[in-house]
């Protein structure tokens, strides 16, 4: 029981469309148009994500302290903490007049 000719034609057409769509999306992603810039989240979104990361970092620290007494070690001041200062790259001065 093989596939009919119609089924083979439909499968080939769908595969060609999928390959064409994949190729177009990859080309657009890796070689955008001259004036097109890649997606960059806005300043408010960056601030919100920094707040979420800091909140999750504090929650993970509290959970570790509750489970593991050895994790209550206070790290030195050079220990990495998620930063909350976000640069607004959308309104940054480019130096051109």
N, C-alpha and C. Protein backbone atom coordinates (compact mmCIF):
# COMPACT_ATOMS: atom_id res chain seq x y z
N UNK A 1 0.84 -1.18 0.00
CA UNK A 1 0.00 0.00 0.00
C UNK A 1 0.88 1.24 0.00
N UNK A 2 1.15 1.75 -1.13
CA UNK A 2 1.94 2.96 -1.24
C UNK A 2 1.06 4.20 -1.24
N UNK A 3 1.69 5.31 -1.23
CA UNK A 3 0.96 6.57 -1.28
C UNK A 3 0.51 6.84 -2.71
N UNK A 4 -0.61 7.50 -2.83
CA UNK A 4 -1.08 7.86 -4.17
C UNK A 4 -0.27 9.03 -4.69
N UNK A 5 -0.38 9.26 -5.98
CA UNK A 5 0.35 10.38 -6.59
C UNK A 5 -0.09 11.71 -6.00
N UNK A 6 -1.35 11.86 -5.72
CA UNK A 6 -1.86 13.11 -5.12
C UNK A 6 -1.26 13.36 -3.75
N UNK A 7 -1.13 12.32 -2.95
CA UNK A 7 -0.57 12.48 -1.60
C UNK A 7 0.90 12.86 -1.68
N UNK A 8 1.62 12.26 -2.61
CA UNK A 8 3.05 12.60 -2.77
C UNK A 8 3.21 14.05 -3.20
N UNK A 9 2.36 14.51 -4.11
CA UNK A 9 2.43 15.90 -4.57
C UNK A 9 2.13 16.86 -3.42
N UNK A 10 1.13 16.56 -2.60
CA UNK A 10 0.80 17.42 -1.46
C UNK A 10 1.95 17.45 -0.46
N UNK A 11 2.55 16.31 -0.17
CA UNK A 11 3.67 16.25 0.77
C UNK A 11 4.85 17.06 0.25
N UNK A 12 5.16 16.95 -1.04
CA UNK A 12 6.27 17.70 -1.62
C UNK A 12 5.98 19.20 -1.58
N UNK A 13 4.76 19.60 -1.89
CA UNK A 13 4.42 21.03 -1.84
C UNK A 13 4.53 21.59 -0.43
N UNK A 14 4.02 20.88 0.54
CA UNK A 14 4.10 21.34 1.93
C UNK A 14 5.55 21.42 2.39
N UNK A 15 6.37 20.44 2.02
CA UNK A 15 7.78 20.46 2.38
C UNK A 15 8.50 21.65 1.73
N UNK A 16 8.19 21.93 0.47
CA UNK A 16 8.80 23.08 -0.21
C UNK A 16 8.41 24.39 0.45
N UNK A 17 7.14 24.52 0.81
CA UNK A 17 6.70 25.74 1.51
C UNK A 17 7.39 25.89 2.86
N UNK A 18 7.55 24.79 3.59
CA UNK A 18 8.21 24.85 4.89
C UNK A 18 9.68 25.24 4.73
N UNK A 19 10.37 24.67 3.77
CA UNK A 19 11.77 25.01 3.54
C UNK A 19 11.92 26.47 3.13
N UNK A 20 11.02 26.96 2.27
CA UNK A 20 11.07 28.36 1.84
C UNK A 20 10.83 29.30 3.02
N UNK A 21 9.86 29.01 3.86
CA UNK A 21 9.58 29.86 5.03
C UNK A 21 10.75 29.84 6.01
N UNK A 22 11.33 28.67 6.24
CA UNK A 22 12.48 28.58 7.13
C UNK A 22 13.66 29.36 6.58
N UNK A 23 13.93 29.22 5.29
CA UNK A 23 15.03 29.95 4.68
C UNK A 23 14.83 31.45 4.75
N UNK A 24 13.60 31.92 4.50
CA UNK A 24 13.32 33.35 4.56
C UNK A 24 13.50 33.89 5.97
N UNK A 25 13.03 33.15 6.95
CA UNK A 25 13.16 33.63 8.33
C UNK A 25 14.62 33.65 8.78
N UNK A 26 15.39 32.64 8.41
CA UNK A 26 16.81 32.64 8.76
C UNK A 26 17.56 33.76 8.06
N UNK A 27 17.25 34.00 6.79
CA UNK A 27 17.91 35.07 6.05
C UNK A 27 17.58 36.42 6.66
N UNK A 28 16.32 36.63 7.01
CA UNK A 28 15.91 37.91 7.62
C UNK A 28 16.54 38.10 8.98
N UNK A 29 16.74 37.01 9.73
CA UNK A 29 17.33 37.11 11.06
C UNK A 29 18.82 37.40 10.99
N UNK A 30 19.54 36.72 10.14
CA UNK A 30 20.99 36.87 10.09
C UNK A 30 21.47 37.95 9.14
N UNK A 31 20.65 38.42 8.23
CA UNK A 31 21.03 39.49 7.32
C UNK A 31 19.84 40.43 7.14
N UNK A 32 19.58 41.28 8.16
CA UNK A 32 18.42 42.17 8.07
C UNK A 32 18.66 43.28 7.05
N UNK A 33 17.61 43.98 6.69
CA UNK A 33 17.71 45.10 5.77
C UNK A 33 18.58 46.19 6.39
N UNK A 34 19.03 47.13 5.57
CA UNK A 34 19.96 48.16 6.02
C UNK A 34 19.43 48.97 7.20
N UNK A 35 18.22 49.42 7.13
CA UNK A 35 17.68 50.29 8.18
C UNK A 35 16.94 49.52 9.26
N UNK A 36 16.84 48.24 9.13
CA UNK A 36 16.10 47.44 10.10
C UNK A 36 17.00 47.06 11.26
N UNK A 37 16.54 47.30 12.47
CA UNK A 37 17.33 46.96 13.64
C UNK A 37 16.71 45.73 14.31
N UNK A 38 17.53 44.91 14.94
CA UNK A 38 16.96 43.77 15.65
C UNK A 38 16.13 44.24 16.85
N UNK A 39 15.26 43.37 17.32
CA UNK A 39 14.37 43.73 18.43
C UNK A 39 15.16 44.07 19.67
N UNK A 40 14.80 45.17 20.30
CA UNK A 40 15.40 45.57 21.56
C UNK A 40 14.26 45.98 22.49
N UNK A 41 14.15 45.34 23.65
CA UNK A 41 13.05 45.71 24.55
C UNK A 41 13.21 47.15 25.03
N UNK A 42 12.11 47.77 25.33
CA UNK A 42 12.11 49.15 25.80
C UNK A 42 12.70 49.30 27.19
N UNK A 43 12.89 50.54 27.59
CA UNK A 43 13.49 50.86 28.88
C UNK A 43 12.65 50.32 30.03
N UNK A 44 11.32 50.49 29.96
CA UNK A 44 10.45 50.01 31.03
C UNK A 44 10.53 48.48 31.16
N UNK A 45 10.60 47.78 30.00
CA UNK A 45 10.70 46.33 30.04
C UNK A 45 12.02 45.89 30.67
N UNK A 46 13.10 46.59 30.37
CA UNK A 46 14.40 46.26 30.96
C UNK A 46 14.38 46.47 32.48
N UNK A 47 13.75 47.57 32.93
CA UNK A 47 13.64 47.81 34.37
C UNK A 47 12.82 46.72 35.04
N UNK A 48 11.72 46.34 34.42
CA UNK A 48 10.87 45.30 34.99
C UNK A 48 11.61 43.98 35.10
N UNK A 49 12.34 43.59 34.06
CA UNK A 49 13.07 42.32 34.09
C UNK A 49 14.19 42.36 35.13
N UNK A 50 14.84 43.51 35.31
CA UNK A 50 15.87 43.61 36.35
C UNK A 50 15.24 43.44 37.73
N UNK A 51 14.05 44.00 37.92
CA UNK A 51 13.35 43.85 39.19
C UNK A 51 12.96 42.39 39.43
N UNK A 52 12.48 41.71 38.39
CA UNK A 52 12.11 40.30 38.53
C UNK A 52 13.33 39.45 38.86
N UNK A 53 14.46 39.71 38.19
CA UNK A 53 15.68 38.95 38.48
C UNK A 53 16.14 39.16 39.91
N UNK A 54 16.09 40.40 40.39
CA UNK A 54 16.50 40.68 41.77
C UNK A 54 15.57 40.01 42.77
N UNK A 55 14.26 40.04 42.50
CA UNK A 55 13.28 39.41 43.39
C UNK A 55 13.49 37.90 43.42
N UNK A 56 13.71 37.29 42.25
CA UNK A 56 13.94 35.84 42.20
C UNK A 56 15.26 35.47 42.88
N UNK A 57 16.28 36.32 42.74
CA UNK A 57 17.57 36.06 43.39
C UNK A 57 17.40 36.06 44.90
N UNK A 58 16.66 37.04 45.43
CA UNK A 58 16.42 37.09 46.87
C UNK A 58 15.59 35.90 47.34
N UNK A 59 14.60 35.49 46.55
CA UNK A 59 13.77 34.34 46.92
C UNK A 59 14.60 33.06 46.95
N UNK A 60 15.49 32.89 45.98
CA UNK A 60 16.35 31.70 45.97
C UNK A 60 17.31 31.70 47.15
N UNK A 61 17.82 32.87 47.50
CA UNK A 61 18.72 32.96 48.65
C UNK A 61 17.99 32.56 49.93
N UNK A 62 16.76 33.07 50.11
CA UNK A 62 15.99 32.72 51.31
C UNK A 62 15.67 31.23 51.35
N UNK A 63 15.37 30.65 50.21
CA UNK A 63 15.06 29.22 50.17
C UNK A 63 16.29 28.38 50.52
N UNK A 64 17.44 28.79 50.02
CA UNK A 64 18.68 28.07 50.35
C UNK A 64 18.99 28.18 51.84
N UNK A 65 18.78 29.34 52.41
CA UNK A 65 19.07 29.53 53.83
C UNK A 65 18.16 28.64 54.67
N UNK A 66 16.93 28.45 54.24
CA UNK A 66 15.99 27.64 55.01
C UNK A 66 16.36 26.15 54.94
N UNK A 67 16.95 25.70 53.85
CA UNK A 67 17.24 24.29 53.67
C UNK A 67 18.65 23.89 54.13
N UNK A 68 19.61 24.76 53.90
CA UNK A 68 21.01 24.38 54.11
C UNK A 68 21.68 25.36 55.06
N UNK A 69 22.03 24.93 56.28
CA UNK A 69 22.66 25.85 57.24
C UNK A 69 24.02 26.36 56.76
N UNK A 70 24.73 25.59 55.96
CA UNK A 70 26.03 26.04 55.48
C UNK A 70 25.91 27.17 54.47
N UNK A 71 24.76 27.32 53.87
CA UNK A 71 24.60 28.37 52.88
C UNK A 71 24.36 29.73 53.52
N UNK A 72 24.33 29.80 54.84
CA UNK A 72 24.12 31.07 55.53
C UNK A 72 25.39 31.90 55.61
N UNK A 73 26.43 31.43 54.96
CA UNK A 73 27.68 32.18 54.89
C UNK A 73 27.42 33.51 54.20
N UNK A 74 27.87 34.58 54.82
CA UNK A 74 27.69 35.90 54.23
C UNK A 74 28.83 36.13 53.24
N UNK A 75 28.51 36.33 51.98
CA UNK A 75 29.56 36.50 50.98
C UNK A 75 30.30 37.82 51.15
N UNK A 76 31.52 37.90 50.65
CA UNK A 76 32.26 39.16 50.72
C UNK A 76 31.59 40.22 49.85
N UNK A 77 31.96 41.48 50.03
CA UNK A 77 31.31 42.56 49.28
C UNK A 77 31.49 42.45 47.77
N UNK A 78 32.45 41.69 47.29
CA UNK A 78 32.67 41.59 45.85
C UNK A 78 31.79 40.52 45.22
N UNK A 79 30.90 39.89 46.02
CA UNK A 79 30.03 38.84 45.51
C UNK A 79 29.07 39.41 44.49
N UNK A 80 28.79 38.65 43.44
CA UNK A 80 27.90 39.11 42.37
C UNK A 80 26.46 39.21 42.85
N UNK A 81 25.87 40.34 42.61
CA UNK A 81 24.44 40.53 42.83
C UNK A 81 23.86 41.03 41.51
N UNK A 82 22.68 40.61 41.15
CA UNK A 82 22.07 41.12 39.93
C UNK A 82 21.93 42.64 40.02
N UNK A 83 22.33 43.34 38.99
CA UNK A 83 22.26 44.80 39.02
C UNK A 83 20.86 45.27 38.66
N UNK A 84 20.52 46.41 39.18
CA UNK A 84 19.20 46.98 38.92
C UNK A 84 19.29 48.23 38.05
N UNK A 85 20.49 48.65 37.71
CA UNK A 85 20.63 49.83 36.88
C UNK A 85 20.61 49.40 35.43
N UNK A 86 19.70 49.95 34.67
CA UNK A 86 19.52 49.62 33.28
C UNK A 86 19.73 50.87 32.44
N UNK A 87 20.52 50.73 31.40
CA UNK A 87 20.76 51.85 30.50
C UNK A 87 19.65 51.89 29.46
N UNK A 88 19.14 53.07 29.20
CA UNK A 88 18.12 53.22 28.17
C UNK A 88 18.82 53.34 26.83
N UNK A 89 18.89 52.24 26.08
CA UNK A 89 19.62 52.24 24.82
C UNK A 89 18.81 52.86 23.70
N UNK A 90 17.52 53.07 23.90
CA UNK A 90 16.70 53.65 22.84
C UNK A 90 16.89 55.16 22.71
N UNK A 91 17.32 55.83 23.77
CA UNK A 91 17.49 57.28 23.73
C UNK A 91 18.94 57.68 23.96
N UNK A 92 19.85 56.77 23.76
CA UNK A 92 21.27 57.03 24.00
C UNK A 92 21.80 58.02 22.96
N UNK A 93 22.67 58.92 23.41
CA UNK A 93 23.28 59.91 22.53
C UNK A 93 24.32 59.24 21.65
N UNK A 94 24.17 59.40 20.33
CA UNK A 94 25.11 58.77 19.40
C UNK A 94 26.27 59.66 19.03
N UNK A 95 26.22 60.93 19.41
CA UNK A 95 27.32 61.84 19.14
C UNK A 95 27.25 62.48 17.76
N UNK A 96 26.25 62.19 16.96
CA UNK A 96 26.13 62.79 15.62
C UNK A 96 25.21 63.99 15.68
N UNK A 97 25.55 65.02 14.94
CA UNK A 97 24.75 66.25 14.93
C UNK A 97 24.19 66.51 13.57
